């Protein structure tokens, strides 16, 4: 499974390691992902999502229902 947040759509970026001698080699900046279970009171069920730390902060602030609705409107979440 790919390293993509299911709510925000964040994915790994690419960049360079730069040494003191300014030599550049390719590297990846991975997303800070967690597999987390959330309870949906409207549907009375638990769902498991792979979400980033930023998405968890948004869920704590706005609620799981609002965040899932917003990601569906943006076309990121298909569940």
N, C-alpha and C. Protein backbone atom coordinates (compact mmCIF):
# COMPACT_ATOMS: atom_id res chain seq x y z
N UNK A 1 0.84 -1.18 0.00
CA UNK A 1 0.00 0.00 0.00
C UNK A 1 0.88 1.24 0.00
N UNK A 2 0.47 2.25 -0.73
CA UNK A 2 1.31 3.43 -0.88
C UNK A 2 1.28 4.32 0.35
N UNK A 3 2.30 5.14 0.49
CA UNK A 3 2.42 6.04 1.63
C UNK A 3 1.71 7.35 1.31
N UNK A 4 0.36 7.30 1.34
CA UNK A 4 -0.47 8.46 1.05
C UNK A 4 -1.52 8.59 2.14
N UNK A 5 -1.72 9.81 2.63
CA UNK A 5 -2.76 10.06 3.62
C UNK A 5 -4.12 9.94 2.94
N UNK A 6 -5.03 9.19 3.53
CA UNK A 6 -6.34 8.95 2.92
C UNK A 6 -7.28 10.14 3.07
N UNK A 7 -6.99 11.08 3.96
CA UNK A 7 -7.88 12.22 4.15
C UNK A 7 -7.36 13.49 3.48
N UNK A 8 -6.06 13.73 3.53
CA UNK A 8 -5.52 14.97 2.98
C UNK A 8 -4.87 14.77 1.61
N UNK A 9 -4.52 13.53 1.27
CA UNK A 9 -3.88 13.28 -0.02
C UNK A 9 -2.38 13.55 0.00
N UNK A 10 -1.82 13.83 1.17
CA UNK A 10 -0.38 14.08 1.25
C UNK A 10 0.37 12.83 0.84
N UNK A 11 1.50 13.03 0.09
CA UNK A 11 2.32 11.92 -0.33
C UNK A 11 3.78 12.30 -0.23
N UNK A 12 4.66 11.33 -0.43
CA UNK A 12 6.09 11.56 -0.29
C UNK A 12 6.57 12.55 -1.35
N UNK A 13 7.53 13.40 -0.94
CA UNK A 13 8.17 14.35 -1.85
C UNK A 13 9.59 13.87 -2.11
N UNK A 14 10.20 14.36 -3.20
CA UNK A 14 11.59 14.02 -3.47
C UNK A 14 12.43 15.27 -3.35
N UNK A 15 13.70 15.05 -3.04
CA UNK A 15 14.63 16.16 -2.88
C UNK A 15 16.04 15.65 -2.92
N UNK A 16 16.96 16.41 -2.37
CA UNK A 16 18.37 16.05 -2.39
C UNK A 16 18.95 16.03 -1.00
N UNK A 17 19.87 15.08 -0.76
CA UNK A 17 20.80 15.18 0.35
C UNK A 17 21.95 16.04 -0.15
N UNK A 18 22.35 17.03 0.61
CA UNK A 18 23.43 17.91 0.19
C UNK A 18 24.54 17.80 1.22
N UNK A 19 25.73 17.36 0.76
CA UNK A 19 26.86 17.23 1.66
C UNK A 19 27.56 18.57 1.84
N UNK A 20 28.54 18.59 2.73
CA UNK A 20 29.30 19.82 2.97
C UNK A 20 30.04 20.26 1.70
N UNK A 21 30.41 19.28 0.86
CA UNK A 21 31.09 19.58 -0.41
C UNK A 21 30.09 19.89 -1.53
N UNK A 22 28.81 20.06 -1.16
CA UNK A 22 27.73 20.38 -2.10
C UNK A 22 27.44 19.26 -3.11
N UNK A 23 27.81 18.01 -2.76
CA UNK A 23 27.42 16.87 -3.58
C UNK A 23 25.95 16.58 -3.31
N UNK A 24 25.21 16.28 -4.37
CA UNK A 24 23.78 16.07 -4.22
C UNK A 24 23.41 14.65 -4.61
N UNK A 25 22.64 13.97 -3.74
CA UNK A 25 22.10 12.65 -4.03
C UNK A 25 20.60 12.68 -3.74
N UNK A 26 19.84 11.96 -4.51
CA UNK A 26 18.38 11.96 -4.36
C UNK A 26 17.94 11.31 -3.06
N UNK A 27 16.87 11.80 -2.48
CA UNK A 27 16.26 11.24 -1.29
C UNK A 27 14.77 11.48 -1.30
N UNK A 28 14.07 10.83 -0.36
CA UNK A 28 12.62 10.99 -0.23
C UNK A 28 12.30 11.62 1.11
N UNK A 29 11.33 12.51 1.10
CA UNK A 29 10.76 13.06 2.33
C UNK A 29 9.41 12.37 2.52
N UNK A 30 9.37 11.37 3.39
CA UNK A 30 8.14 10.62 3.61
C UNK A 30 7.17 11.38 4.50
N UNK A 31 5.90 11.05 4.38
CA UNK A 31 4.85 11.66 5.17
C UNK A 31 4.79 10.96 6.53
N UNK A 32 4.46 11.71 7.57
CA UNK A 32 4.34 11.18 8.92
C UNK A 32 2.98 10.49 9.05
N UNK A 33 2.90 9.21 8.66
CA UNK A 33 1.62 8.48 8.60
C UNK A 33 1.42 7.56 9.79
N UNK A 34 0.15 7.41 10.15
CA UNK A 34 -0.27 6.51 11.22
C UNK A 34 -1.49 5.75 10.73
N UNK A 35 -1.60 4.48 11.13
CA UNK A 35 -2.82 3.71 10.90
C UNK A 35 -3.66 3.86 12.16
N UNK A 36 -4.86 4.43 12.01
CA UNK A 36 -5.65 4.79 13.18
C UNK A 36 -7.11 4.42 12.95
N UNK A 37 -7.77 3.99 14.03
CA UNK A 37 -9.19 3.67 13.97
C UNK A 37 -9.99 4.86 14.48
N UNK A 38 -11.09 5.15 13.78
CA UNK A 38 -11.98 6.24 14.17
C UNK A 38 -13.40 5.69 14.27
N UNK A 39 -14.15 6.23 15.22
CA UNK A 39 -15.54 5.82 15.41
C UNK A 39 -16.45 6.84 14.74
N UNK A 40 -17.36 6.35 13.91
CA UNK A 40 -18.35 7.19 13.25
C UNK A 40 -19.69 7.00 13.95
N UNK A 41 -20.12 7.97 14.76
CA UNK A 41 -21.37 7.79 15.49
C UNK A 41 -22.60 7.78 14.59
N UNK A 42 -22.56 8.48 13.44
CA UNK A 42 -23.71 8.51 12.53
C UNK A 42 -23.98 7.13 11.95
N UNK A 43 -22.90 6.40 11.63
CA UNK A 43 -23.05 5.07 11.04
C UNK A 43 -22.90 3.96 12.08
N UNK A 44 -22.54 4.33 13.32
CA UNK A 44 -22.36 3.39 14.42
C UNK A 44 -21.36 2.29 14.06
N UNK A 45 -20.19 2.70 13.52
CA UNK A 45 -19.16 1.72 13.18
C UNK A 45 -17.78 2.36 13.29
N UNK A 46 -16.76 1.49 13.34
CA UNK A 46 -15.37 1.90 13.38
C UNK A 46 -14.78 1.77 11.99
N UNK A 47 -13.92 2.72 11.61
CA UNK A 47 -13.20 2.62 10.34
C UNK A 47 -11.72 2.78 10.62
N UNK A 48 -10.90 2.14 9.80
CA UNK A 48 -9.45 2.25 9.92
C UNK A 48 -8.93 3.04 8.73
N UNK A 49 -8.19 4.11 9.02
CA UNK A 49 -7.64 4.96 7.98
C UNK A 49 -6.14 5.13 8.19
N UNK A 50 -5.41 5.31 7.09
CA UNK A 50 -4.00 5.67 7.16
C UNK A 50 -3.94 7.19 6.98
N UNK A 51 -3.64 7.89 8.08
CA UNK A 51 -3.72 9.35 8.07
C UNK A 51 -2.41 9.97 8.53
N UNK A 52 -2.17 11.21 8.09
CA UNK A 52 -0.98 11.95 8.50
C UNK A 52 -1.21 12.61 9.85
N UNK A 53 -0.14 13.09 10.46
CA UNK A 53 -0.24 13.78 11.74
C UNK A 53 -1.08 15.04 11.60
N UNK A 54 -0.97 15.73 10.47
CA UNK A 54 -1.77 16.94 10.22
C UNK A 54 -3.26 16.59 10.16
N UNK A 55 -3.61 15.46 9.55
CA UNK A 55 -5.01 15.04 9.47
C UNK A 55 -5.56 14.72 10.86
N UNK A 56 -4.74 14.11 11.72
CA UNK A 56 -5.18 13.80 13.08
C UNK A 56 -5.47 15.09 13.84
N UNK A 57 -4.62 16.11 13.65
CA UNK A 57 -4.85 17.41 14.29
C UNK A 57 -6.15 18.03 13.79
N UNK A 58 -6.42 17.93 12.48
CA UNK A 58 -7.67 18.46 11.93
C UNK A 58 -8.87 17.72 12.48
N UNK A 59 -8.77 16.40 12.65
CA UNK A 59 -9.87 15.62 13.20
C UNK A 59 -10.14 16.02 14.65
N UNK A 60 -9.07 16.24 15.42
CA UNK A 60 -9.25 16.67 16.80
C UNK A 60 -9.92 18.04 16.87
N UNK A 61 -9.63 18.89 15.90
CA UNK A 61 -10.16 20.26 15.91
C UNK A 61 -11.59 20.32 15.37
N UNK A 62 -11.84 19.67 14.21
CA UNK A 62 -13.11 19.81 13.50
C UNK A 62 -14.06 18.63 13.70
N UNK A 63 -13.52 17.45 13.98
CA UNK A 63 -14.33 16.24 14.09
C UNK A 63 -14.18 15.38 12.85
N UNK A 64 -14.31 14.07 13.03
CA UNK A 64 -14.10 13.12 11.94
C UNK A 64 -15.12 13.30 10.83
N UNK A 65 -16.36 13.61 11.18
CA UNK A 65 -17.41 13.75 10.16
C UNK A 65 -17.12 14.91 9.23
N UNK A 66 -16.73 16.05 9.79
CA UNK A 66 -16.46 17.24 8.97
C UNK A 66 -15.24 17.03 8.08
N UNK A 67 -14.22 16.39 8.60
CA UNK A 67 -12.99 16.17 7.82
C UNK A 67 -13.26 15.19 6.68
N UNK A 68 -14.02 14.13 6.96
CA UNK A 68 -14.34 13.16 5.91
C UNK A 68 -15.21 13.80 4.83
N UNK A 69 -16.17 14.65 5.23
CA UNK A 69 -17.03 15.34 4.27
C UNK A 69 -16.20 16.25 3.37
N UNK A 70 -15.26 16.98 3.97
CA UNK A 70 -14.42 17.89 3.19
C UNK A 70 -13.52 17.13 2.21
N UNK A 71 -12.96 16.00 2.64
CA UNK A 71 -12.10 15.23 1.75
C UNK A 71 -12.90 14.57 0.63
N UNK A 72 -14.14 14.20 0.89
CA UNK A 72 -15.00 13.68 -0.19
C UNK A 72 -15.31 14.76 -1.21
N UNK A 73 -15.55 15.99 -0.76
CA UNK A 73 -15.82 17.10 -1.68
C UNK A 73 -14.61 17.40 -2.55
N UNK A 74 -13.40 17.25 -1.97
CA UNK A 74 -12.18 17.50 -2.73
C UNK A 74 -11.78 16.31 -3.60
N UNK A 75 -12.49 15.20 -3.49
CA UNK A 75 -12.23 14.03 -4.34
C UNK A 75 -11.09 13.17 -3.85
N UNK A 76 -10.69 13.30 -2.60
CA UNK A 76 -9.58 12.52 -2.08
C UNK A 76 -10.08 11.21 -1.49
N UNK A 77 -11.09 11.27 -0.65
CA UNK A 77 -11.62 10.07 0.01
C UNK A 77 -12.73 9.48 -0.85
N UNK A 78 -12.65 8.17 -1.09
CA UNK A 78 -13.65 7.51 -1.94
C UNK A 78 -14.51 6.54 -1.16
N UNK A 79 -14.19 6.30 0.13
CA UNK A 79 -14.96 5.33 0.92
C UNK A 79 -16.30 5.88 1.30
